[in-house]
């Protein structure tokens, strides 16, 4: 069993690592995802008709692992930015400056920023209200934060 897995690992490592690196753009993250894919393969104990099916399944597994890690990373980054923006908005001396900057945004950004930060709605709720997809709302929030950062002189937001 150990020898079979070693052969399986050696046969597919380079291809799976390349796939993971293409997604992650970072050697350490690519190695982690590659390792996770092989751990999953070992725990699933699936038998394949031929090597091509093995590689196909392993590649799909590796891509899904990479996508999951990237989603988690983006969610964490957005959450961190949301918390920073809320802290800045709560500071009394900055509050009026931030409100002015928000009001100067184009309408499509102003409405999502206002609904999210000042009214407390989640992106899914805003999407329903404005008849947009949740991903569009998240993208508009991200773009609005970038514009606000420039407007407020590059301060963290």
N, C-alpha and C. Protein backbone atom coordinates (compact mmCIF):
# COMPACT_ATOMS: atom_id res chain seq x y z
N UNK A 1 0.83 -1.20 0.00
CA UNK A 1 0.00 0.00 0.00
C UNK A 1 0.87 1.26 0.00
N UNK A 2 1.86 1.31 0.90
CA UNK A 2 2.76 2.46 0.99
C UNK A 2 3.52 2.64 -0.33
N UNK A 3 3.99 1.54 -0.90
CA UNK A 3 4.72 1.61 -2.16
C UNK A 3 3.82 2.07 -3.29
N UNK A 4 2.56 1.62 -3.28
CA UNK A 4 1.61 2.05 -4.30
C UNK A 4 1.38 3.56 -4.22
N UNK A 5 1.21 4.06 -3.01
CA UNK A 5 0.98 5.49 -2.86
C UNK A 5 2.21 6.29 -3.25
N UNK A 6 3.38 5.79 -2.90
CA UNK A 6 4.62 6.47 -3.29
C UNK A 6 4.72 6.59 -4.81
N UNK A 7 4.41 5.51 -5.49
CA UNK A 7 4.45 5.52 -6.96
C UNK A 7 3.40 6.50 -7.51
N UNK A 8 2.21 6.48 -6.93
CA UNK A 8 1.13 7.40 -7.31
C UNK A 8 1.58 8.85 -7.12
N UNK A 9 2.19 9.12 -5.98
CA UNK A 9 2.66 10.46 -5.66
C UNK A 9 3.72 10.92 -6.66
N UNK A 10 4.71 10.07 -6.90
CA UNK A 10 5.79 10.42 -7.83
C UNK A 10 5.28 10.61 -9.25
N UNK A 11 4.30 9.82 -9.62
CA UNK A 11 3.74 9.87 -10.97
C UNK A 11 2.99 11.19 -11.21
N UNK A 12 2.37 11.75 -10.19
CA UNK A 12 1.48 12.90 -10.41
C UNK A 12 1.92 14.20 -9.74
N UNK A 13 2.94 14.16 -8.90
CA UNK A 13 3.29 15.34 -8.11
C UNK A 13 3.53 16.58 -8.96
N UNK A 14 4.38 16.49 -9.97
CA UNK A 14 4.74 17.68 -10.76
C UNK A 14 3.52 18.31 -11.43
N UNK A 15 2.67 17.48 -12.01
CA UNK A 15 1.49 18.01 -12.70
C UNK A 15 0.54 18.70 -11.72
N UNK A 16 0.34 18.08 -10.57
CA UNK A 16 -0.58 18.66 -9.58
C UNK A 16 0.01 19.93 -8.97
N UNK A 17 1.30 19.93 -8.73
CA UNK A 17 1.95 21.13 -8.20
C UNK A 17 1.80 22.29 -9.19
N UNK A 18 1.99 22.02 -10.49
CA UNK A 18 1.85 23.07 -11.51
C UNK A 18 0.44 23.66 -11.50
N UNK A 19 -0.56 22.79 -11.38
CA UNK A 19 -1.95 23.27 -11.33
C UNK A 19 -2.14 24.16 -10.10
N UNK A 20 -1.68 23.70 -8.97
CA UNK A 20 -1.83 24.47 -7.72
C UNK A 20 -1.07 25.79 -7.79
N UNK A 21 0.11 25.77 -8.37
CA UNK A 21 0.89 27.01 -8.48
C UNK A 21 0.20 28.01 -9.40
N UNK A 22 -0.42 27.51 -10.47
CA UNK A 22 -1.14 28.39 -11.40
C UNK A 22 -2.28 29.11 -10.68
N UNK A 23 -2.93 28.43 -9.77
CA UNK A 23 -4.02 29.04 -9.01
C UNK A 23 -3.51 29.97 -7.92
N UNK A 24 -2.55 29.49 -7.14
CA UNK A 24 -2.15 30.18 -5.92
C UNK A 24 -1.10 31.26 -6.14
N UNK A 25 -0.29 31.15 -7.19
CA UNK A 25 0.76 32.13 -7.51
C UNK A 25 1.77 32.30 -6.39
N UNK A 26 1.95 31.24 -5.61
CA UNK A 26 2.84 31.29 -4.46
C UNK A 26 3.30 29.87 -4.18
N UNK A 27 4.61 29.67 -4.09
CA UNK A 27 5.16 28.32 -3.93
C UNK A 27 4.68 27.63 -2.66
N UNK A 28 4.67 28.34 -1.54
CA UNK A 28 4.27 27.72 -0.28
C UNK A 28 2.80 27.30 -0.30
N UNK A 29 1.94 28.18 -0.79
CA UNK A 29 0.51 27.85 -0.88
C UNK A 29 0.27 26.71 -1.87
N UNK A 30 1.03 26.71 -2.96
CA UNK A 30 0.90 25.63 -3.95
C UNK A 30 1.31 24.29 -3.34
N UNK A 31 2.38 24.31 -2.56
CA UNK A 31 2.81 23.07 -1.88
C UNK A 31 1.75 22.58 -0.90
N UNK A 32 1.17 23.51 -0.15
CA UNK A 32 0.12 23.14 0.81
C UNK A 32 -1.09 22.52 0.10
N UNK A 33 -1.51 23.14 -0.99
CA UNK A 33 -2.66 22.62 -1.73
C UNK A 33 -2.35 21.27 -2.36
N UNK A 34 -1.13 21.12 -2.88
CA UNK A 34 -0.72 19.84 -3.46
C UNK A 34 -0.75 18.76 -2.40
N UNK A 35 -0.21 19.08 -1.24
CA UNK A 35 -0.21 18.11 -0.14
C UNK A 35 -1.64 17.74 0.26
N UNK A 36 -2.50 18.74 0.36
CA UNK A 36 -3.90 18.48 0.72
C UNK A 36 -4.58 17.57 -0.31
N UNK A 37 -4.27 17.78 -1.58
CA UNK A 37 -4.87 16.95 -2.63
C UNK A 37 -4.43 15.50 -2.49
N UNK A 38 -3.15 15.29 -2.20
CA UNK A 38 -2.66 13.91 -2.04
C UNK A 38 -3.19 13.27 -0.76
N UNK A 39 -3.33 14.06 0.29
CA UNK A 39 -3.91 13.52 1.53
C UNK A 39 -5.34 13.08 1.27
N UNK A 40 -6.08 13.90 0.54
CA UNK A 40 -7.46 13.54 0.22
C UNK A 40 -7.50 12.28 -0.64
N UNK A 41 -6.59 12.18 -1.60
CA UNK A 41 -6.53 10.99 -2.46
C UNK A 41 -6.24 9.75 -1.63
N UNK A 42 -5.35 9.89 -0.68
CA UNK A 42 -4.98 8.75 0.16
C UNK A 42 -6.16 8.33 1.05
N UNK A 43 -6.89 9.30 1.55
CA UNK A 43 -8.00 8.99 2.45
C UNK A 43 -9.22 8.45 1.71
N UNK A 44 -9.36 8.78 0.42
CA UNK A 44 -10.52 8.33 -0.34
C UNK A 44 -10.39 6.88 -0.80
N UNK A 45 -9.18 6.43 -1.03
CA UNK A 45 -8.94 5.05 -1.45
C UNK A 45 -9.81 4.65 -2.65
N UNK A 46 -9.73 5.46 -3.70
CA UNK A 46 -10.50 5.20 -4.92
C UNK A 46 -9.62 4.44 -5.90
N UNK A 47 -10.21 3.47 -6.57
CA UNK A 47 -9.45 2.76 -7.61
C UNK A 47 -9.88 3.30 -8.97
N UNK A 48 -8.93 3.44 -9.87
CA UNK A 48 -9.18 4.03 -11.18
C UNK A 48 -8.88 3.02 -12.27
N UNK A 49 -9.55 3.22 -13.42
CA UNK A 49 -9.34 2.32 -14.55
C UNK A 49 -7.94 2.47 -15.12
N UNK A 50 -7.49 3.71 -15.19
CA UNK A 50 -6.14 3.94 -15.73
C UNK A 50 -5.56 5.23 -15.15
N UNK A 51 -4.32 5.48 -15.51
CA UNK A 51 -3.59 6.63 -14.98
C UNK A 51 -4.25 7.95 -15.36
N UNK A 52 -4.86 7.99 -16.52
CA UNK A 52 -5.51 9.22 -16.98
C UNK A 52 -6.67 9.61 -16.06
N UNK A 53 -7.44 8.63 -15.62
CA UNK A 53 -8.54 8.91 -14.70
C UNK A 53 -8.02 9.35 -13.34
N UNK A 54 -6.92 8.75 -12.92
CA UNK A 54 -6.28 9.16 -11.65
C UNK A 54 -5.93 10.64 -11.70
N UNK A 55 -5.23 11.02 -12.76
CA UNK A 55 -4.76 12.40 -12.87
C UNK A 55 -5.93 13.36 -12.99
N UNK A 56 -6.94 12.98 -13.74
CA UNK A 56 -8.12 13.84 -13.90
C UNK A 56 -8.79 14.09 -12.55
N UNK A 57 -9.00 13.03 -11.78
CA UNK A 57 -9.64 13.16 -10.47
C UNK A 57 -8.76 14.00 -9.54
N UNK A 58 -7.48 13.72 -9.54
CA UNK A 58 -6.55 14.43 -8.65
C UNK A 58 -6.45 15.91 -9.03
N UNK A 59 -6.45 16.20 -10.32
CA UNK A 59 -6.39 17.59 -10.78
C UNK A 59 -7.65 18.34 -10.35
N UNK A 60 -8.80 17.73 -10.54
CA UNK A 60 -10.06 18.35 -10.12
C UNK A 60 -10.06 18.60 -8.61
N UNK A 61 -9.61 17.62 -7.87
CA UNK A 61 -9.53 17.76 -6.41
C UNK A 61 -8.60 18.90 -6.03
N UNK A 62 -7.45 18.97 -6.65
CA UNK A 62 -6.47 20.03 -6.36
C UNK A 62 -7.05 21.41 -6.70
N UNK A 63 -7.72 21.52 -7.84
CA UNK A 63 -8.31 22.80 -8.23
C UNK A 63 -9.37 23.23 -7.22
N UNK A 64 -10.19 22.30 -6.78
CA UNK A 64 -11.22 22.63 -5.79
C UNK A 64 -10.62 23.07 -4.46
N UNK A 65 -9.55 22.42 -4.06
CA UNK A 65 -8.86 22.81 -2.83
C UNK A 65 -8.30 24.23 -2.97
N UNK A 66 -7.69 24.52 -4.12
CA UNK A 66 -7.15 25.87 -4.37
C UNK A 66 -8.27 26.91 -4.34
N UNK A 67 -9.37 26.62 -5.02
CA UNK A 67 -10.49 27.56 -5.05
C UNK A 67 -11.03 27.82 -3.65
N UNK A 68 -11.15 26.76 -2.85
CA UNK A 68 -11.63 26.92 -1.48
C UNK A 68 -10.70 27.81 -0.66
N UNK A 69 -9.39 27.59 -0.81
CA UNK A 69 -8.43 28.40 -0.06
C UNK A 69 -8.47 29.86 -0.51
N UNK A 70 -8.61 30.07 -1.82
CA UNK A 70 -8.69 31.43 -2.32
C UNK A 70 -9.97 32.13 -1.84
N UNK A 71 -11.08 31.41 -1.83
CA UNK A 71 -12.33 31.98 -1.33
C UNK A 71 -12.18 32.39 0.13
N UNK A 72 -11.59 31.51 0.90
CA UNK A 72 -11.40 31.80 2.33
C UNK A 72 -10.49 33.02 2.50
N UNK A 73 -9.44 33.08 1.70
CA UNK A 73 -8.50 34.19 1.78
C UNK A 73 -9.21 35.50 1.45
N UNK A 74 -10.02 35.53 0.37
CA UNK A 74 -10.73 36.74 -0.01
C UNK A 74 -11.75 37.14 1.04
N UNK A 75 -12.47 36.15 1.57
CA UNK A 75 -13.45 36.47 2.61
C UNK A 75 -12.77 37.10 3.82
N UNK A 76 -11.63 36.56 4.20
CA UNK A 76 -10.89 37.09 5.35
C UNK A 76 -10.41 38.50 5.06
N UNK A 77 -9.92 38.72 3.84
CA UNK A 77 -9.42 40.03 3.47
C UNK A 77 -10.55 41.06 3.48
N UNK A 78 -11.70 40.69 2.92
CA UNK A 78 -12.86 41.59 2.89
C UNK A 78 -13.33 41.88 4.31
N UNK A 79 -13.37 40.85 5.16
CA UNK A 79 -13.79 41.04 6.55
C UNK A 79 -12.84 41.99 7.27
N UNK A 80 -11.55 41.82 7.06
CA UNK A 80 -10.56 42.71 7.69
C UNK A 80 -10.76 44.16 7.22
N UNK A 81 -11.00 44.34 5.91
CA UNK A 81 -11.21 45.69 5.39
C UNK A 81 -12.50 46.29 5.93
N UNK A 82 -13.55 45.46 6.04
CA UNK A 82 -14.81 45.94 6.60
C UNK A 82 -14.62 46.45 8.02
N UNK A 83 -13.88 45.70 8.82
CA UNK A 83 -13.64 46.09 10.21
C UNK A 83 -12.85 47.39 10.29
N UNK A 84 -11.84 47.53 9.43
CA UNK A 84 -11.05 48.76 9.41
C UNK A 84 -11.90 49.95 9.01
N UNK A 85 -12.75 49.76 8.00
CA UNK A 85 -13.60 50.86 7.53
C UNK A 85 -14.58 51.28 8.62
N UNK A 86 -15.12 50.32 9.34
CA UNK A 86 -16.05 50.64 10.42
C UNK A 86 -15.34 51.39 11.54
N UNK A 87 -14.10 51.02 11.84
CA UNK A 87 -13.34 51.72 12.89
C UNK A 87 -13.08 53.16 12.49
N UNK A 88 -12.70 53.37 11.24
CA UNK A 88 -12.42 54.73 10.77
C UNK A 88 -13.70 55.56 10.77
N UNK A 89 -14.80 54.95 10.31
CA UNK A 89 -16.08 55.67 10.27
C UNK A 89 -16.55 56.06 11.67
N UNK A 90 -16.16 55.30 12.68
CA UNK A 90 -16.58 55.57 14.05
C UNK A 90 -15.77 56.67 14.73
N UNK A 91 -14.61 57.01 14.18
CA UNK A 91 -13.77 58.05 14.78
C UNK A 91 -14.42 59.42 14.52
N UNK A 92 -14.66 60.21 15.57
CA UNK A 92 -15.39 61.47 15.42
C UNK A 92 -14.74 62.46 14.45
N UNK A 93 -13.44 62.66 14.51
CA UNK A 93 -12.79 63.64 13.65
C UNK A 93 -12.73 63.19 12.19
N UNK A 94 -12.77 61.92 11.97
CA UNK A 94 -12.72 61.39 10.61
C UNK A 94 -14.12 61.21 10.02
N UNK A 95 -15.12 61.13 10.88
CA UNK A 95 -16.45 60.75 10.43
C UNK A 95 -16.99 61.67 9.34
N UNK A 96 -16.91 62.97 9.54
CA UNK A 96 -17.46 63.89 8.54
C UNK A 96 -16.66 63.82 7.24
N UNK A 97 -15.37 63.65 7.34
CA UNK A 97 -14.53 63.53 6.14
C UNK A 97 -14.89 62.26 5.36
N UNK A 98 -15.14 61.17 6.08
CA UNK A 98 -15.51 59.91 5.44
C UNK A 98 -16.89 60.04 4.79
N UNK A 99 -17.84 60.66 5.50
CA UNK A 99 -19.19 60.83 4.95
C UNK A 99 -19.13 61.67 3.67
N UNK A 100 -18.34 62.73 3.69
CA UNK A 100 -18.19 63.57 2.49
C UNK A 100 -17.60 62.76 1.34
N UNK A 101 -16.61 61.94 1.64
CA UNK A 101 -15.99 61.12 0.59
C UNK A 101 -16.99 60.11 0.04
N UNK A 102 -17.80 59.52 0.91
CA UNK A 102 -18.82 58.56 0.45
C UNK A 102 -19.82 59.27 -0.44
N UNK A 103 -20.26 60.45 -0.04
CA UNK A 103 -21.25 61.19 -0.83
C UNK A 103 -20.70 61.62 -2.19
N UNK A 104 -19.39 61.73 -2.30
CA UNK A 104 -18.78 62.11 -3.57
C UNK A 104 -18.62 60.93 -4.53
N UNK A 105 -18.85 59.72 -4.03
CA UNK A 105 -18.74 58.53 -4.89
C UNK A 105 -19.84 58.51 -5.94
N UNK A 106 -19.59 57.82 -7.08
CA UNK A 106 -20.67 57.60 -8.03
C UNK A 106 -21.83 56.85 -7.36
N UNK A 107 -23.03 57.05 -7.87
CA UNK A 107 -24.24 56.51 -7.25
C UNK A 107 -24.15 55.01 -7.01
N UNK A 108 -23.65 54.24 -7.98
CA UNK A 108 -23.63 52.78 -7.82
C UNK A 108 -22.77 52.35 -6.63
N UNK A 109 -21.74 53.13 -6.31
CA UNK A 109 -20.90 52.82 -5.16
C UNK A 109 -21.50 53.39 -3.87
N UNK A 110 -22.01 54.61 -3.98
CA UNK A 110 -22.55 55.29 -2.81
C UNK A 110 -23.67 54.47 -2.18
N UNK A 111 -24.57 53.93 -3.00
CA UNK A 111 -25.70 53.20 -2.44
C UNK A 111 -25.28 51.91 -1.75
N UNK A 112 -24.32 51.17 -2.32
CA UNK A 112 -23.90 49.93 -1.66
C UNK A 112 -23.11 50.22 -0.39
N UNK A 113 -22.28 51.26 -0.41
CA UNK A 113 -21.51 51.63 0.79
C UNK A 113 -22.47 52.08 1.89
N UNK A 114 -23.42 52.91 1.52
CA UNK A 114 -24.36 53.41 2.52
C UNK A 114 -25.18 52.27 3.13
N UNK A 115 -25.71 51.42 2.28
CA UNK A 115 -26.53 50.31 2.79
C UNK A 115 -25.71 49.34 3.65
N UNK A 116 -24.46 49.11 3.26
CA UNK A 116 -23.64 48.14 3.99
C UNK A 116 -23.10 48.71 5.31
N UNK A 117 -22.47 49.87 5.24
CA UNK A 117 -21.79 50.39 6.42
C UNK A 117 -22.69 51.22 7.35
N UNK A 118 -23.59 51.97 6.77
CA UNK A 118 -24.40 52.86 7.61
C UNK A 118 -25.73 52.24 8.02
N UNK A 119 -26.27 51.39 7.16
CA UNK A 119 -27.55 50.74 7.49
C UNK A 119 -27.36 49.32 8.00
N UNK A 120 -26.18 48.74 7.79
CA UNK A 120 -25.87 47.43 8.35
C UNK A 120 -26.37 46.23 7.57
N UNK A 121 -26.74 46.41 6.31
CA UNK A 121 -27.21 45.29 5.51
C UNK A 121 -26.04 44.44 5.02
N UNK A 122 -26.29 43.14 4.88
CA UNK A 122 -25.30 42.22 4.33
C UNK A 122 -25.35 42.31 2.80
N UNK A 123 -24.30 41.83 2.15
CA UNK A 123 -24.22 41.95 0.68
C UNK A 123 -25.36 41.21 -0.02
N UNK A 124 -25.79 40.08 0.52
CA UNK A 124 -26.90 39.34 -0.10
C UNK A 124 -28.20 40.16 -0.04
N UNK A 125 -28.42 40.83 1.07
CA UNK A 125 -29.62 41.66 1.22
C UNK A 125 -29.57 42.86 0.28
N UNK A 126 -28.40 43.47 0.17
CA UNK A 126 -28.24 44.61 -0.73
C UNK A 126 -28.48 44.18 -2.17
N UNK A 127 -27.97 43.01 -2.52
CA UNK A 127 -28.16 42.49 -3.88
C UNK A 127 -29.64 42.36 -4.21
N UNK A 128 -30.42 41.84 -3.27
CA UNK A 128 -31.87 41.73 -3.49
C UNK A 128 -32.53 43.10 -3.63
N UNK A 129 -32.14 44.03 -2.78
CA UNK A 129 -32.73 45.38 -2.81
C UNK A 129 -32.45 46.10 -4.12
N UNK A 130 -31.22 45.94 -4.61
CA UNK A 130 -30.79 46.70 -5.79
C UNK A 130 -30.88 45.89 -7.08
N UNK A 131 -31.38 44.66 -6.96
CA UNK A 131 -31.52 43.78 -8.13
C UNK A 131 -30.18 43.56 -8.84
N UNK A 132 -29.18 43.24 -8.02
CA UNK A 132 -27.84 42.93 -8.52
C UNK A 132 -27.42 41.59 -7.94
N UNK A 133 -26.41 41.01 -8.52
CA UNK A 133 -25.91 39.75 -7.96
C UNK A 133 -25.07 40.07 -6.73
N UNK A 134 -24.99 39.13 -5.78
CA UNK A 134 -24.15 39.35 -4.60
C UNK A 134 -22.69 39.62 -4.96
N UNK A 135 -22.19 38.94 -5.99
CA UNK A 135 -20.80 39.16 -6.38
C UNK A 135 -20.59 40.57 -6.93
N UNK A 136 -21.60 41.11 -7.63
CA UNK A 136 -21.52 42.48 -8.12
C UNK A 136 -21.46 43.46 -6.96
N UNK A 137 -22.30 43.22 -5.96
CA UNK A 137 -22.31 44.09 -4.78
C UNK A 137 -20.96 44.03 -4.07
N UNK A 138 -20.42 42.82 -3.89
CA UNK A 138 -19.11 42.70 -3.24
C UNK A 138 -18.03 43.43 -4.04
N UNK A 139 -18.09 43.30 -5.36
CA UNK A 139 -17.12 43.99 -6.22
C UNK A 139 -17.26 45.50 -6.12
N UNK A 140 -18.50 45.98 -6.06
CA UNK A 140 -18.71 47.42 -5.94
C UNK A 140 -18.23 47.93 -4.58
N UNK A 141 -18.42 47.15 -3.54
CA UNK A 141 -17.89 47.53 -2.22
C UNK A 141 -16.37 47.60 -2.25
N UNK A 142 -15.76 46.61 -2.88
CA UNK A 142 -14.30 46.59 -2.99
C UNK A 142 -13.80 47.82 -3.76
N UNK A 143 -14.45 48.10 -4.90
CA UNK A 143 -14.04 49.25 -5.71
C UNK A 143 -14.27 50.57 -4.96
N UNK A 144 -15.38 50.64 -4.24
CA UNK A 144 -15.68 51.85 -3.46
C UNK A 144 -14.64 52.07 -2.38
N UNK A 145 -14.24 50.99 -1.70
CA UNK A 145 -13.20 51.12 -0.67
C UNK A 145 -11.90 51.63 -1.29
N UNK A 146 -11.57 51.13 -2.48
CA UNK A 146 -10.35 51.59 -3.15
C UNK A 146 -10.44 53.07 -3.49
N UNK A 147 -11.60 53.51 -3.99
CA UNK A 147 -11.79 54.93 -4.31
C UNK A 147 -11.73 55.79 -3.04
N UNK A 148 -12.33 55.30 -1.98
CA UNK A 148 -12.30 56.04 -0.72
C UNK A 148 -10.88 56.14 -0.18
N UNK A 149 -10.13 55.09 -0.34
CA UNK A 149 -8.74 55.09 0.12
C UNK A 149 -7.95 56.18 -0.61
N UNK A 150 -8.17 56.29 -1.92
CA UNK A 150 -7.48 57.34 -2.69
C UNK A 150 -7.96 58.72 -2.28
N UNK A 151 -9.27 58.86 -2.12
CA UNK A 151 -9.84 60.16 -1.75
C UNK A 151 -9.37 60.63 -0.39
N UNK A 152 -9.24 59.69 0.53
CA UNK A 152 -8.86 60.05 1.90
C UNK A 152 -7.34 60.07 2.08
N UNK A 153 -6.62 60.15 0.99
CA UNK A 153 -5.18 60.32 1.07
C UNK A 153 -4.40 59.06 1.35
N UNK A 154 -4.91 57.93 0.93
CA UNK A 154 -4.18 56.68 1.09
C UNK A 154 -4.22 56.13 2.50
N UNK A 155 -5.05 56.71 3.35
CA UNK A 155 -5.16 56.18 4.70
C UNK A 155 -5.82 54.82 4.63
N UNK A 156 -5.56 53.99 5.61
CA UNK A 156 -6.13 52.64 5.62
C UNK A 156 -7.63 52.71 5.77
N UNK A 157 -8.31 52.03 4.87
CA UNK A 157 -9.77 51.95 4.95
C UNK A 157 -10.23 50.58 4.56
